[in-house]
Amino acid sequence: MKEITIKKRYYIVLFLALGLLAFVASLIDYSINSIDNKNTTVVIDIPTGSGFFKIAEILNQKGMVKNRLLFYALVTYRHAWRSIRAGEYEFSTSLTPYAVIDKLLRGEIKHYKVFIPEDSSVKEIAAILMKDKLIDEESFFEAAADEEFLKSLDIQADYIEGYLFPDTYYLERSMNTRQIMRKMVDRLWNKFSPAMLEKAKEMSLSVHALITLASIIGKESGNNAEKPLISAVFHNRLKRKMPLQSDPTAVYDLENFTGAVKRSHLKRNSPYNTYVISGLPPGPIANPGLDSMKAALYPAKVDYLYFVAQGDGSHFFSSSLEMHNKAIARYRLNKGKRQ
């Protein structure tokens, strides 16, 4: 009787051992083989605060699990129950389940490469970010004028225009609108060197005035090489208390403006229109790049007071109104010949 009991236990242990080996073999086979051979791209968004079973269900609905039992076993083996970061992930179905879990553990969230051109306005930046649905448009413009939010960003102004640094960004869908805006403002302050701040103080320019001037220089310039010359014109005009007469300022606060600036625009009664106001407008008219800010701080040592576009992205600079008027007539004549 005792001998029968021992044999029975032996067979139970053997059965369990064989079952375990079979399960381990299945787990290994499951973990190292592709989910499928279609090489389909699957984008999965894991919300913040999601528990593991919620995450597993999301993956399963997108066809990334195939076998729940083996998937749970693999997760247990990788100690991944509480180590998966929320966010948007991009997977290929040619990946193995092991690679999928590895990617989740490393937090390889999908990044969106976003290029913000120099001298883009806040409205234009919002449109760029909206293309990939990275921001909530209403929240973006609400934050742009939120006094407390601006103070938290060290912005001494009532609007964020000018402070969203134009650059290439790698953004995550998990970032909220204000986090993205903060990232762009932080990039500006990182670019703003102590030497630049010191130079602005020497010139009696506040940071806000500097960025405002830089935004006008950026909108007027067709190439970086001319920016110090354009800066010189505006500095010379400010010293002589002459209006800046910058065309882009005349149309900045027009809703959805496109096309050429007309004479009627130059007569508009607007706080930004430097044809009708003296000095700088109340704030930036775009978000300038580093070259424009440096040009505002280091204008060329010339006595120019005027410039006119030559139609090829460059400008002709003059020191007197007489020279300027001749340049305008010459440009118009040449333009007529080209047409």
C-alpha atoms as a PDB file:
ATOM      1  CA  MET A   1       0.000   0.000   0.000  1.00  0.00           C
ATOM      2  CA  LYS A   2       2.831   2.330   0.909  1.00  0.00           C
ATOM      3  CA  GLU A   3       4.617   1.417  -2.336  1.00  0.00           C
ATOM      4  CA  ILE A   4       1.487   2.400  -4.370  1.00  0.00           C
ATOM      5  CA  THR A   5       1.314   5.762  -2.606  1.00  0.00           C
ATOM      6  CA  ILE A   6       4.977   6.499  -3.392  1.00  0.00           C
ATOM      7  CA  LYS A   7       4.444   5.615  -7.066  1.00  0.00           C
ATOM      8  CA  LYS A   8       1.358   7.793  -7.175  1.00  0.00           C
ATOM      9  CA  ARG A   9       3.300  10.754  -5.770  1.00  0.00           C
ATOM     10  CA  TYR A  10       6.100  10.066  -8.237  1.00  0.00           C
ATOM     11  CA  TYR A  11       3.714  10.203 -11.202  1.00  0.00           C
ATOM     12  CA  ILE A  12       2.085  13.396  -9.885  1.00  0.00           C
ATOM     13  CA  VAL A  13       5.471  15.064  -9.519  1.00  0.00           C
ATOM     14  CA  LEU A  14       6.530  13.801 -12.945  1.00  0.00           C
ATOM     15  CA  PHE A  15       3.283  15.034 -14.464  1.00  0.00           C
ATOM     16  CA  LEU A  16       3.692  18.454 -12.869  1.00  0.00           C
ATOM     17  CA  ALA A  17       7.332  18.628 -13.947  1.00  0.00           C
ATOM     18  CA  LEU A  18       6.443  17.739 -17.523  1.00  0.00           C
ATOM     19  CA  GLY A  19       3.575  20.220 -17.442  1.00  0.00           C
ATOM     20  CA  LEU A  20       5.896  22.935 -16.149  1.00  0.00           C
ATOM     21  CA  LEU A  21       8.473  22.145 -18.819  1.00  0.00           C
ATOM     22  CA  ALA A  22       5.778  22.280 -21.481  1.00  0.00           C
ATOM     23  CA  PHE A  23       4.549  25.605 -20.140  1.00  0.00           C
ATOM     24  CA  VAL A  24       8.079  27.030 -20.019  1.00  0.00           C
ATOM     25  CA  ALA A  25       8.678  25.814 -23.578  1.00  0.00           C
ATOM     26  CA  SER A  26       5.432  27.469 -24.689  1.00  0.00           C
ATOM     27  CA  LEU A  27       6.384  30.673 -22.864  1.00  0.00           C
ATOM     28  CA  ILE A  28       9.804  30.755 -24.525  1.00  0.00           C
ATOM     29  CA  ASP A  29       8.266  30.076 -27.922  1.00  0.00           C
ATOM     30  CA  TYR A  30       5.627  32.773 -27.337  1.00  0.00           C
ATOM     31  CA  SER A  31       8.141  35.360 -26.131  1.00  0.00           C
ATOM     32  CA  ILE A  32      10.626  35.039 -29.021  1.00  0.00           C
ATOM     33  CA  ASN A  33       8.267  34.797 -31.991  1.00  0.00           C
ATOM     34  CA  SER A  34       6.721  37.773 -33.780  1.00  0.00           C
ATOM     35  CA  ILE A  35       3.152  38.665 -32.936  1.00  0.00           C
ATOM     36  CA  ASP A  36       2.430  38.257 -36.635  1.00  0.00           C
ATOM     37  CA  ASN A  37       4.253  38.591 -39.956  1.00  0.00           C
ATOM     38  CA  LYS A  38       2.234  41.515 -41.323  1.00  0.00           C
ATOM     39  CA  ASN A  39       4.592  44.184 -39.953  1.00  0.00           C
ATOM     40  CA  THR A  40       1.609  46.419 -39.192  1.00  0.00           C
ATOM     41  CA  THR A  41       2.206  49.629 -37.224  1.00  0.00           C
ATOM     42  CA  VAL A  42       0.031  49.900 -34.129  1.00  0.00           C
ATOM     43  CA  VAL A  43      -0.231  53.099 -32.062  1.00  0.00           C
ATOM     44  CA  ILE A  44      -1.370  52.579 -28.481  1.00  0.00           C
ATOM     45  CA  ASP A  45      -2.174  55.284 -25.943  1.00  0.00           C
ATOM     46  CA  ILE A  46      -1.805  54.266 -22.298  1.00  0.00           C
ATOM     47  CA  PRO A  47      -3.598  56.803 -20.099  1.00  0.00           C
ATOM     48  CA  THR A  48      -1.949  58.128 -16.946  1.00  0.00           C
ATOM     49  CA  GLY A  49      -2.914  56.088 -13.880  1.00  0.00           C
ATOM     50  CA  SER A  50      -3.757  52.911 -15.815  1.00  0.00           C
ATOM     51  CA  GLY A  51      -3.288  49.673 -13.879  1.00  0.00           C
ATOM     52  CA  PHE A  52      -1.615  46.671 -15.459  1.00  0.00           C
ATOM     53  CA  PHE A  53      -4.810  44.804 -16.326  1.00  0.00           C
ATOM     54  CA  LYS A  54      -6.164  47.942 -17.992  1.00  0.00           C
ATOM     55  CA  ILE A  55      -2.920  48.215 -19.978  1.00  0.00           C
ATOM     56  CA  ALA A  56      -3.102  44.537 -20.932  1.00  0.00           C
ATOM     57  CA  GLU A  57      -6.687  45.018 -22.120  1.00  0.00           C
ATOM     58  CA  ILE A  58      -5.662  47.996 -24.282  1.00  0.00           C
ATOM     59  CA  LEU A  59      -2.849  45.947 -25.803  1.00  0.00           C
ATOM     60  CA  ASN A  60      -5.174  43.011 -26.343  1.00  0.00           C
ATOM     61  CA  GLN A  61      -7.780  45.160 -28.114  1.00  0.00           C
ATOM     62  CA  LYS A  62      -5.057  46.345 -30.493  1.00  0.00           C
ATOM     63  CA  GLY A  63      -4.029  42.748 -31.246  1.00  0.00           C
ATOM     64  CA  MET A  64      -0.695  42.889 -29.374  1.00  0.00           C
ATOM     65  CA  VAL A  65      -1.302  40.123 -26.797  1.00  0.00           C
ATOM     66  CA  LYS A  66      -2.603  37.024 -28.620  1.00  0.00           C
ATOM     67  CA  ASN A  67      -2.287  34.769 -25.538  1.00  0.00           C
ATOM     68  CA  ARG A  68      -3.258  36.400 -22.234  1.00  0.00           C
ATOM     69  CA  LEU A  69      -1.987  33.628 -19.964  1.00  0.00           C
ATOM     70  CA  LEU A  70       1.455  33.568 -21.566  1.00  0.00           C
ATOM     71  CA  PHE A  71       1.533  37.371 -21.713  1.00  0.00           C
ATOM     72  CA  TYR A  72       0.787  37.603 -17.962  1.00  0.00           C
ATOM     73  CA  ALA A  73       3.458  34.984 -17.262  1.00  0.00           C
ATOM     74  CA  LEU A  74       6.016  36.933 -19.319  1.00  0.00           C
ATOM     75  CA  VAL A  75       5.116  40.169 -17.525  1.00  0.00           C
ATOM     76  CA  THR A  76       5.556  38.392 -14.176  1.00  0.00           C
ATOM     77  CA  TYR A  77       8.941  37.060 -15.269  1.00  0.00           C
ATOM     78  CA  ARG A  78      10.020  40.575 -16.322  1.00  0.00           C
ATOM     79  CA  HIS A  79       8.698  42.122 -13.054  1.00  0.00           C
ATOM     80  CA  ALA A  80       6.769  44.589 -15.164  1.00  0.00           C
ATOM     81  CA  TRP A  81       3.517  44.816 -13.212  1.00  0.00           C
ATOM     82  CA  ARG A  82       4.055  48.373 -11.947  1.00  0.00           C
ATOM     83  CA  SER A  83       6.876  49.621 -14.159  1.00  0.00           C
ATOM     84  CA  ILE A  84       5.048  50.576 -17.348  1.00  0.00           C
ATOM     85  CA  ARG A  85       5.029  54.302 -18.104  1.00  0.00           C
ATOM     86  CA  ALA A  86       1.891  55.962 -19.432  1.00  0.00           C
ATOM     87  CA  GLY A  87       2.025  57.580 -22.851  1.00  0.00           C
ATOM     88  CA  GLU A  88       1.656  56.920 -26.555  1.00  0.00           C
ATOM     89  CA  TYR A  89       3.613  53.989 -27.976  1.00  0.00           C
ATOM     90  CA  GLU A  90       4.193  52.879 -31.541  1.00  0.00           C
ATOM     91  CA  PHE A  91       4.656  49.150 -32.118  1.00  0.00           C
ATOM     92  CA  SER A  92       5.147  46.902 -35.112  1.00  0.00           C
ATOM     93  CA  THR A  93       3.375  43.556 -35.088  1.00  0.00           C
ATOM     94  CA  SER A  94       6.662  42.031 -36.263  1.00  0.00           C
ATOM     95  CA  LEU A  95       7.973  42.573 -32.715  1.00  0.00           C
ATOM     96  CA  THR A  96       8.102  39.697 -30.266  1.00  0.00           C
ATOM     97  CA  PRO A  97       6.074  39.915 -27.039  1.00  0.00           C
ATOM     98  CA  TYR A  98       9.395  40.094 -25.164  1.00  0.00           C
ATOM     99  CA  ALA A  99      10.367  43.148 -27.239  1.00  0.00           C
ATOM    100  CA  VAL A 100       6.955  44.743 -26.658  1.00  0.00           C
ATOM    101  CA  ILE A 101       7.313  44.443 -22.890  1.00  0.00           C
ATOM    102  CA  ASP A 102      10.912  45.640 -23.123  1.00  0.00           C
ATOM    103  CA  LYS A 103       9.760  48.751 -24.965  1.00  0.00           C
ATOM    104  CA  LEU A 104       7.079  49.409 -22.360  1.00  0.00           C
ATOM    105  CA  LEU A 105       9.576  48.993 -19.517  1.00  0.00           C
ATOM    106  CA  ARG A 106      12.022  51.412 -21.136  1.00  0.00           C
ATOM    107  CA  GLY A 107       9.200  53.912 -21.620  1.00  0.00           C
ATOM    108  CA  GLU A 108       9.952  54.336 -25.340  1.00  0.00           C
ATOM    109  CA  ILE A 109       7.090  56.721 -25.890  1.00  0.00           C
ATOM    110  CA  LYS A 110       6.335  57.924 -29.409  1.00  0.00           C
ATOM    111  CA  HIS A 111       7.876  61.337 -30.048  1.00  0.00           C
ATOM    112  CA  TYR A 112       6.604  63.845 -32.556  1.00  0.00           C
ATOM    113  CA  LYS A 113       9.281  65.896 -34.289  1.00  0.00           C
ATOM    114  CA  VAL A 114       7.914  69.423 -34.544  1.00  0.00           C
ATOM    115  CA  PHE A 115       9.730  72.263 -36.286  1.00  0.00           C
ATOM    116  CA  ILE A 116       8.738  75.798 -35.320  1.00  0.00           C
ATOM    117  CA  PRO A 117      10.119  78.296 -37.875  1.00  0.00           C
ATOM    118  CA  GLU A 118      11.660  81.554 -36.706  1.00  0.00           C
ATOM    119  CA  ASP A 119       9.297  84.516 -36.543  1.00  0.00           C
ATOM    120  CA  SER A 120       6.162  82.370 -36.313  1.00  0.00           C
ATOM    121  CA  SER A 121       3.283  83.989 -34.460  1.00  0.00           C
ATOM    122  CA  VAL A 122       1.475  82.355 -31.552  1.00  0.00           C
ATOM    123  CA  LYS A 123      -1.420  81.605 -33.921  1.00  0.00           C
ATOM    124  CA  GLU A 124       0.919  79.944 -36.419  1.00  0.00           C
ATOM    125  CA  ILE A 125       2.584  77.882 -33.677  1.00  0.00           C
ATOM    126  CA  ALA A 126      -0.806  76.713 -32.439  1.00  0.00           C
ATOM    127  CA  ALA A 127      -1.701  75.611 -35.978  1.00  0.00           C
ATOM    128  CA  ILE A 128       1.566  73.628 -36.278  1.00  0.00           C
ATOM    129  CA  LEU A 129       0.977  71.859 -32.961  1.00  0.00           C
ATOM    130  CA  MET A 130      -2.642  71.154 -33.857  1.00  0.00           C
ATOM    131  CA  LYS A 131      -1.584  69.203 -36.960  1.00  0.00           C
ATOM    132  CA  ASP A 132      -0.474  66.306 -34.739  1.00  0.00           C
ATOM    133  CA  LYS A 133      -3.184  67.032 -32.154  1.00  0.00           C
ATOM    134  CA  LEU A 134      -0.521  67.788 -29.546  1.00  0.00           C
ATOM    135  CA  ILE A 135      -2.445  70.616 -27.908  1.00  0.00           C
ATOM    136  CA  ASP A 136      -5.967  71.598 -27.075  1.00  0.00           C
ATOM    137  CA  GLU A 137      -6.480  74.815 -29.057  1.00  0.00           C
ATOM    138  CA  GLU A 138      -8.808  76.459 -26.545  1.00  0.00           C
ATOM    139  CA  SER A 139      -6.481  75.645 -23.634  1.00  0.00           C
ATOM    140  CA  PHE A 140      -3.493  76.937 -25.627  1.00  0.00           C
ATOM    141  CA  PHE A 141      -4.909  80.419 -26.168  1.00  0.00           C
ATOM    142  CA  GLU A 142      -6.312  80.524 -22.653  1.00  0.00           C
ATOM    143  CA  ALA A 143      -2.841  79.773 -21.235  1.00  0.00           C
ATOM    144  CA  ALA A 144      -1.227  82.283 -23.616  1.00  0.00           C
ATOM    145  CA  ALA A 145      -2.979  85.104 -21.756  1.00  0.00           C
ATOM    146  CA  ASP A 146      -3.126  83.551 -18.266  1.00  0.00           C
ATOM    147  CA  GLU A 147      -1.429  86.015 -15.920  1.00  0.00           C
ATOM    148  CA  GLU A 148      -0.499  83.439 -13.279  1.00  0.00           C
ATOM    149  CA  PHE A 149       0.810  80.974 -15.835  1.00  0.00           C
ATOM    150  CA  LEU A 150       2.937  83.665 -17.482  1.00  0.00           C
ATOM    151  CA  LYS A 151       4.369  84.669 -14.102  1.00  0.00           C
ATOM    152  CA  SER A 152       5.286  81.037 -13.422  1.00  0.00           C
ATOM    153  CA  LEU A 153       7.298  81.154 -16.662  1.00  0.00           C
ATOM    154  CA  ASP A 154       9.098  84.383 -15.590  1.00  0.00           C
ATOM    155  CA  ILE A 155       7.349  86.297 -18.371  1.00  0.00           C
ATOM    156  CA  GLN A 156       6.761  89.922 -17.457  1.00  0.00           C
ATOM    157  CA  ALA A 157       4.034  90.492 -20.041  1.00  0.00           C
ATOM    158  CA  ASP A 158       0.311  89.934 -20.508  1.00  0.00           C
ATOM    159  CA  TYR A 159       0.682  87.605 -23.516  1.00  0.00           C
ATOM    160  CA  ILE A 160       3.064  84.813 -24.461  1.00  0.00           C
ATOM    161  CA  GLU A 161       3.847  86.128 -27.965  1.00  0.00           C
ATOM    162  CA  GLY A 162       7.617  86.339 -28.412  1.00  0.00           C
ATOM    163  CA  TYR A 163       8.484  83.831 -25.684  1.00  0.00           C
ATOM    164  CA  LEU A 164       7.813  80.530 -27.512  1.00  0.00           C
ATOM    165  CA  PHE A 165      11.292  79.849 -28.859  1.00  0.00           C
ATOM    166  CA  PRO A 166      11.388  78.704 -32.505  1.00  0.00           C
ATOM    167  CA  ASP A 167      13.291  75.426 -32.718  1.00  0.00           C
ATOM    168  CA  THR A 168      12.897  71.695 -33.364  1.00  0.00           C
ATOM    169  CA  TYR A 169      11.093  69.881 -30.556  1.00  0.00           C
ATOM    170  CA  TYR A 170      10.445  66.229 -29.809  1.00  0.00           C
ATOM    171  CA  LEU A 171       7.082  66.167 -28.094  1.00  0.00           C
ATOM    172  CA  GLU A 172       4.992  63.426 -26.519  1.00  0.00           C
ATOM    173  CA  ARG A 173       1.251  63.053 -26.780  1.00  0.00           C
ATOM    174  CA  SER A 174       1.202  62.498 -22.999  1.00  0.00           C
ATOM    175  CA  MET A 175       2.355  66.088 -22.458  1.00  0.00           C
ATOM    176  CA  ASN A 176      -0.470  68.529 -21.825  1.00  0.00           C
ATOM    177  CA  THR A 177      -0.791  71.899 -23.556  1.00  0.00           C
ATOM    178  CA  ARG A 178       0.853  73.917 -20.787  1.00  0.00           C
ATOM    179  CA  GLN A 179       3.754  71.484 -20.485  1.00  0.00           C
ATOM    180  CA  ILE A 180       4.504  71.956 -24.178  1.00  0.00           C
ATOM    181  CA  MET A 181       4.307  75.741 -23.846  1.00  0.00           C
ATOM    182  CA  ARG A 182       6.567  75.628 -20.791  1.00  0.00           C
ATOM    183  CA  LYS A 183       9.099  73.536 -22.702  1.00  0.00           C
ATOM    184  CA  MET A 184       9.254  76.159 -25.450  1.00  0.00           C
ATOM    185  CA  VAL A 185       9.634  79.049 -23.007  1.00  0.00           C
ATOM    186  CA  ASP A 186      12.318  77.154 -21.064  1.00  0.00           C
ATOM    187  CA  ARG A 187      14.216  76.749 -24.360  1.00  0.00           C
ATOM    188  CA  LEU A 188      14.138  80.547 -24.758  1.00  0.00           C
ATOM    189  CA  TRP A 189      15.553  81.174 -21.278  1.00  0.00           C
ATOM    190  CA  ASN A 190      18.245  78.541 -21.864  1.00  0.00           C
ATOM    191  CA  LYS A 191      19.298  80.381 -25.033  1.00  0.00           C
ATOM    192  CA  PHE A 192      19.233  83.748 -23.292  1.00  0.00           C
ATOM    193  CA  SER A 193      22.786  83.968 -21.950  1.00  0.00           C
ATOM    194  CA  PRO A 194      23.906  86.118 -18.980  1.00  0.00           C
ATOM    195  CA  ALA A 195      26.018  88.125 -21.451  1.00  0.00           C
ATOM    196  CA  MET A 196      22.880  88.952 -23.451  1.00  0.00           C
ATOM    197  CA  LEU A 197      21.062  90.066 -20.305  1.00  0.00           C
ATOM    198  CA  GLU A 198      24.004  92.250 -19.313  1.00  0.00           C
ATOM    199  CA  LYS A 199      24.152  93.798 -22.783  1.00  0.00           C
ATOM    200  CA  ALA A 200      20.424  94.558 -22.672  1.00  0.00           C
ATOM    201  CA  LYS A 201      20.912  96.382 -19.336  1.00  0.00           C
ATOM    202  CA  GLU A 202      23.743  98.419 -20.857  1.00  0.00           C
ATOM    203  CA  MET A 203      21.396  99.460 -23.655  1.00  0.00           C
ATOM    204  CA  SER A 204      18.577 100.250 -21.178  1.00  0.00           C
ATOM    205  CA  LEU A 205      16.424  97.594 -22.825  1.00  0.00           C
ATOM    206  CA  SER A 206      14.130  95.405 -20.764  1.00  0.00           C
ATOM    207  CA  VAL A 207      13.906  91.763 -21.800  1.00  0.00           C
ATOM    208  CA  HIS A 208      10.393  92.424 -23.086  1.00  0.00           C
ATOM    209  CA  ALA A 209      11.535  95.412 -25.152  1.00  0.00           C
ATOM    210  CA  LEU A 210      14.464  93.407 -26.512  1.00  0.00           C
ATOM    211  CA  ILE A 211      12.239  90.525 -27.620  1.00  0.00           C
ATOM    212  CA  THR A 212       9.761  93.005 -29.097  1.00  0.00           C
ATOM    213  CA  LEU A 213      12.491  94.690 -31.149  1.00  0.00           C
ATOM    214  CA  ALA A 214      13.943  91.304 -32.155  1.00  0.00           C
ATOM    215  CA  SER A 215      10.522  90.166 -33.387  1.00  0.00           C
ATOM    216  CA  ILE A 216      10.261  93.197 -35.685  1.00  0.00           C
ATOM    217  CA  ILE A 217      13.811  92.644 -36.987  1.00  0.00           C
ATOM    218  CA  GLY A 218      12.980  88.998 -37.681  1.00  0.00           C
ATOM    219  CA  LYS A 219       9.765  89.802 -39.558  1.00  0.00           C
ATOM    220  CA  GLU A 220      11.526  92.439 -41.676  1.00  0.00           C
ATOM    221  CA  SER A 221      14.631  90.439 -42.598  1.00  0.00           C
ATOM    222  CA  GLY A 222      14.975  88.138 -45.571  1.00  0.00           C
ATOM    223  CA  ASN A 223      18.315  86.720 -44.436  1.00  0.00           C
ATOM    224  CA  ASN A 224      20.388  86.590 -41.270  1.00  0.00           C
ATOM    225  CA  ALA A 225      23.271  88.610 -42.715  1.00  0.00           C
ATOM    226  CA  GLU A 226      21.077  91.724 -42.967  1.00  0.00           C
ATOM    227  CA  LYS A 227      19.641  91.537 -39.461  1.00  0.00           C
ATOM    228  CA  PRO A 228      22.349  93.744 -37.835  1.00  0.00           C
ATOM    229  CA  LEU A 229      21.743  96.373 -40.563  1.00  0.00           C
ATOM    230  CA  ILE A 230      17.963  96.302 -40.050  1.00  0.00           C
ATOM    231  CA  SER A 231      18.580  96.482 -36.302  1.00  0.00           C
ATOM    232  CA  ALA A 232      20.773  99.557 -36.857  1.00  0.00           C
ATOM    233  CA  VAL A 233      17.968 101.298 -38.769  1.00  0.00           C
ATOM    234  CA  PHE A 234      15.521 100.756 -35.912  1.00  0.00           C
ATOM    235  CA  HIS A 235      18.018 101.749 -33.216  1.00  0.00           C
ATOM    236  CA  ASN A 236      18.910 104.905 -35.147  1.00  0.00           C
ATOM    237  CA  ARG A 237      15.239 105.756 -35.539  1.00  0.00           C
ATOM    238  CA  LEU A 238      14.535 105.187 -31.854  1.00  0.00           C
ATOM    239  CA  LYS A 239      17.436 107.499 -30.896  1.00  0.00           C
ATOM    240  CA  ARG A 240      16.038 110.218 -33.167  1.00  0.00           C
ATOM    241  CA  LYS A 241      12.488 109.615 -31.911  1.00  0.00           C
ATOM    242  CA  MET A 242      11.394 108.709 -35.434  1.00  0.00           C
ATOM    243  CA  PRO A 243       8.560 106.201 -35.912  1.00  0.00           C
ATOM    244  CA  LEU A 244       9.885 102.745 -36.779  1.00  0.00           C
ATOM    245  CA  GLN A 245       7.491 102.440 -39.735  1.00  0.00           C
ATOM    246  CA  SER A 246       7.679  98.640 -39.914  1.00  0.00           C
ATOM    247  CA  ASP A 247       5.073  97.140 -42.256  1.00  0.00           C
ATOM    248  CA  PRO A 248       4.583  93.866 -40.307  1.00  0.00           C
ATOM    249  CA  THR A 249       3.537  95.817 -37.192  1.00  0.00           C
ATOM    250  CA  ALA A 250       0.679  97.437 -39.123  1.00  0.00           C
ATOM    251  CA  VAL A 251      -1.083  94.119 -39.736  1.00  0.00           C
ATOM    252  CA  TYR A 252      -0.036  92.058 -36.690  1.00  0.00           C
ATOM    253  CA  ASP A 253      -3.360  92.293 -34.867  1.00  0.00           C
ATOM    254  CA  LEU A 254      -5.518  91.749 -37.952  1.00  0.00           C
ATOM    255  CA  GLU A 255      -7.475  88.485 -37.833  1.00  0.00           C
ATOM    256  CA  ASN A 256      -6.227  85.930 -40.386  1.00  0.00           C
ATOM    257  CA  PHE A 257      -4.245  88.481 -42.416  1.00  0.00           C
ATOM    258  CA  THR A 258      -2.659  87.227 -45.649  1.00  0.00           C
ATOM    259  CA  GLY A 259      -1.236  88.925 -48.712  1.00  0.00           C
ATOM    260  CA  ALA A 260       0.623  92.193 -49.167  1.00  0.00           C
ATOM    261  CA  VAL A 261       0.609  95.116 -46.759  1.00  0.00           C
ATOM    262  CA  LYS A 262      -1.291  98.017 -48.361  1.00  0.00           C
ATOM    263  CA  ARG A 263      -1.211 101.767 -47.714  1.00  0.00           C
ATOM    264  CA  SER A 264      -4.571 101.529 -45.981  1.00  0.00           C
ATOM    265  CA  HIS A 265      -3.007  99.116 -43.464  1.00  0.00           C
ATOM    266  CA  LEU A 266      -0.276 101.643 -42.655  1.00  0.00           C
ATOM    267  CA  LYS A 267      -2.924 104.168 -41.545  1.00  0.00           C
ATOM    268  CA  ARG A 268      -4.679 101.738 -39.173  1.00  0.00           C
ATOM    269  CA  ASN A 269      -5.251 102.961 -35.653  1.00  0.00           C
ATOM    270  CA  SER A 270      -3.586 100.058 -33.813  1.00  0.00           C
ATOM    271  CA  PRO A 271      -1.318 100.042 -30.742  1.00  0.00           C
ATOM    272  CA  TYR A 272       1.057  97.814 -32.740  1.00  0.00           C
ATOM    273  CA  ASN A 273       1.191  99.941 -35.879  1.00  0.00           C
ATOM    274  CA  THR A 274       4.585 101.691 -35.785  1.00  0.00           C
ATOM    275  CA  TYR A 275       3.457 104.057 -38.544  1.00  0.00           C
ATOM    276  CA  VAL A 276       1.035 105.738 -36.109  1.00  0.00           C
ATOM    277  CA  ILE A 277       2.737 105.145 -32.725  1.00  0.00           C
ATOM    278  CA  SER A 278       6.122 106.268 -31.492  1.00  0.00           C
ATOM    279  CA  GLY A 279       8.685 103.814 -30.174  1.00  0.00           C
ATOM    280  CA  LEU A 280       8.125 100.094 -29.841  1.00  0.00           C
ATOM    281  CA  PRO A 281       4.706  98.417 -29.872  1.00  0.00           C
ATOM    282  CA  PRO A 282       3.394  97.044 -26.542  1.00  0.00           C
ATOM    283  CA  GLY A 283       4.724  93.556 -27.249  1.00  0.00           C
ATOM    284  CA  PRO A 284       6.354  91.233 -29.792  1.00  0.00           C
ATOM    285  CA  ILE A 285       4.696  90.610 -33.148  1.00  0.00           C
ATOM    286  CA  ALA A 286       6.229  87.136 -33.539  1.00  0.00           C
ATOM    287  CA  ASN A 287       8.531  84.679 -31.800  1.00  0.00           C
ATOM    288  CA  PRO A 288      12.092  85.624 -32.809  1.00  0.00           C
ATOM    289  CA  GLY A 289      15.080  83.334 -33.064  1.00  0.00           C
ATOM    290  CA  LEU A 290      18.491  83.772 -31.472  1.00  0.00           C
ATOM    291  CA  ASP A 291      19.952  85.608 -34.503  1.00  0.00           C
ATOM    292  CA  SER A 292      17.265  88.291 -34.300  1.00  0.00           C
ATOM    293  CA  MET A 293      17.828  88.770 -30.571  1.00  0.00           C
ATOM    294  CA  LYS A 294      21.575  89.061 -31.061  1.00  0.00           C
ATOM    295  CA  ALA A 295      21.009  91.544 -33.895  1.00  0.00           C
ATOM    296  CA  ALA A 296      18.813  93.625 -31.579  1.00  0.00           C
ATOM    297  CA  LEU A 297      21.662  93.690 -29.048  1.00  0.00           C
ATOM    298  CA  TYR A 298      24.491  94.207 -31.523  1.00  0.00           C
ATOM    299  CA  PRO A 299      23.311  96.494 -34.357  1.00  0.00           C
ATOM    300  CA  ALA A 300      25.725  97.307 -37.169  1.00  0.00           C
ATOM    301  CA  LYS A 301      27.646 100.560 -36.733  1.00  0.00           C
ATOM    302  CA  VAL A 302      26.039 102.403 -39.628  1.00  0.00           C
ATOM    303  CA  ASP A 303      23.928 105.562 -39.927  1.00  0.00           C
ATOM    304  CA  TYR A 304      21.134 104.044 -42.022  1.00  0.00           C
ATOM    305  CA  LEU A 305      17.581 105.249 -41.359  1.00  0.00           C
ATOM    306  CA  TYR A 306      15.707 103.559 -44.201  1.00  0.00           C
ATOM    307  CA  PHE A 307      15.549 100.323 -46.136  1.00  0.00           C
ATOM    308  CA  VAL A 308      13.466  98.996 -48.997  1.00  0.00           C
ATOM    309  CA  ALA A 309      13.008  95.420 -50.182  1.00  0.00           C
ATOM    310  CA  GLN A 310      14.656  94.703 -53.526  1.00  0.00           C
ATOM    311  CA  GLY A 311      12.445  91.745 -54.375  1.00  0.00           C
ATOM    312  CA  ASP A 312      15.074  89.044 -53.921  1.00  0.00           C
ATOM    313  CA  GLY A 313      14.969  88.769 -50.129  1.00  0.00           C
ATOM    314  CA  SER A 314      17.573  91.516 -49.659  1.00  0.00           C
ATOM    315  CA  HIS A 315      17.193  95.231 -48.904  1.00  0.00           C
ATOM    316  CA  PHE A 316      18.689  98.500 -50.051  1.00  0.00           C
ATOM    317  CA  PHE A 317      19.711 100.712 -47.131  1.00  0.00           C
ATOM    318  CA  SER A 318      19.818 104.512 -47.109  1.00  0.00           C
ATOM    319  CA  SER A 319      20.927 107.241 -44.724  1.00  0.00           C
ATOM    320  CA  SER A 320      18.657 109.951 -46.112  1.00  0.00           C
ATOM    321  CA  LEU A 321      15.061 110.230 -47.260  1.00  0.00           C
ATOM    322  CA  GLU A 322      16.216 111.433 -50.678  1.00  0.00           C
ATOM    323  CA  MET A 323      18.321 108.291 -51.216  1.00  0.00           C
ATOM    324  CA  HIS A 324      15.477 106.167 -49.909  1.00  0.00           C
ATOM    325  CA  ASN A 325      12.928 107.649 -52.320  1.00  0.00           C
ATOM    326  CA  LYS A 326      15.305 107.103 -55.241  1.00  0.00           C
ATOM    327  CA  ALA A 327      15.742 103.473 -54.157  1.00  0.00           C
ATOM    328  CA  ILE A 328      11.971 103.012 -53.998  1.00  0.00           C
ATOM    329  CA  ALA A 329      11.549 104.485 -57.506  1.00  0.00           C
ATOM    330  CA  ARG A 330      14.338 102.281 -58.851  1.00  0.00           C
ATOM    331  CA  TYR A 331      12.878  99.159 -57.265  1.00  0.00           C
ATOM    332  CA  ARG A 332       9.418  99.899 -58.663  1.00  0.00           C
ATOM    333  CA  LEU A 333      10.877 100.506 -62.135  1.00  0.00           C
ATOM    334  CA  ASN A 334      12.817  97.227 -62.003  1.00  0.00           C
ATOM    335  CA  LYS A 335       9.759  95.407 -60.718  1.00  0.00           C
ATOM    336  CA  GLY A 336       7.713  96.754 -63.626  1.00  0.00           C
ATOM    337  CA  LYS A 337      10.335  95.529 -66.090  1.00  0.00           C
ATOM    338  CA  ARG A 338      10.301  92.041 -64.556  1.00  0.00           C
ATOM    339  CA  GLN A 339       6.524  91.886 -64.855  1.00  0.00           C
END
